[in-house]
Amino acid sequence: MTVPVFRFAPSPNGSLHLGHAYSALLNQRMAQNMGGRMLLRMEDIDRERCTPELEHSMLNDLEWIGLNWEQPVRRQSEHFPIYQEALDRLVKMELVYPAFLSRSGIKREIERSNMDDWPRDPDGAPFYPPIERLLSKREQQTRMARGDPYAWRLNMDRALEVAGTQLIWHEFGSREHKVNARPQDWGDVIIARRDMPTSYHLSVVIDDALQGITHVVRGKDLYHATSVHRLLQHLFGIEPPLYHHHRLVLDNDGNKLSKSRRDTSLRSLRERGVTRQEICDLIGL
């Protein structure tokens, strides 16, 4: 039998808060209950916001709450060539295209369409106008060569056509059940940027596969994004893990916690004398 492999994968771009503590310790508890392994990954592709100082602080907080993980820690910033290879495969398959519209350009195209019900993704962002899907290779290369800012976007219609099947994932918890993936709800998502050969969607799929992750345990805020991940997994021929999207730890007003809020950060709570056990009580573990 395959040994279950879990992971906690924060981005070192701020302070860990109670929600991170819940996710990290829930992963560890599930791994222990299943006799599995526990890995730690730093999702630090954003080199401007993610710093060694923030990572050091994050590791210190994770040790303090009692998280144990196997060494070494995987850092995404050390594996850009691997993501580039994956992006090159999508380019070769003609499933991605360089998209040049700025935010204001997107807004202008939407207004020009005269559509009152322009589609939006599950996060509320408007779909990217598909006008650049048909740019010739020469025009694409000309604009890229002269330095026009762009991002690589997935041609969702073509990707779904290539996939050619209804994609599902398995959600586990009190009971296991199938979920029909709906990547079409996201439109032409960003796969990579001009100055960074990846995005969250691409790197998380590649890393989970390379690390042999069998169980992905993460917050409900990423539930709908799993549809995009299932599509990418299918295109790359990757066997999907099982998923569990857990409840979010909310503030007193019912809002999702933020790394920018100091009052719910683990570091702030430690400084105020809160104990590890009190942290577990606060998050319901």
Foldseek 3Di string as FASTA:
>chain_A
DDAAEEEQEEELLFFAFLQSLLQQVVRVVVSVVRVHAYAYEHAHLPVVRHDPVSVVNRVVLCVQLPGDHDDDYHYVNVPLVVLLVLLVVCVVVLFKAWAQADPVRQVVVVVVVVDPCQAAAPVGHGARDPPCSPDDPVVRVVCVVVPRWTFIWGQVVVLCVVLVDFFWAWADDPHIDIDTADPVRHHTDTAGTPVGSGDPLRSVLVVCQVVVHQEYEEAPVCVNVVSSNRSSCSVVVGDDHHYYHDYAQADPVRHGDDSVDLVRGSVNCVVVPDHSVNSCVSSVD
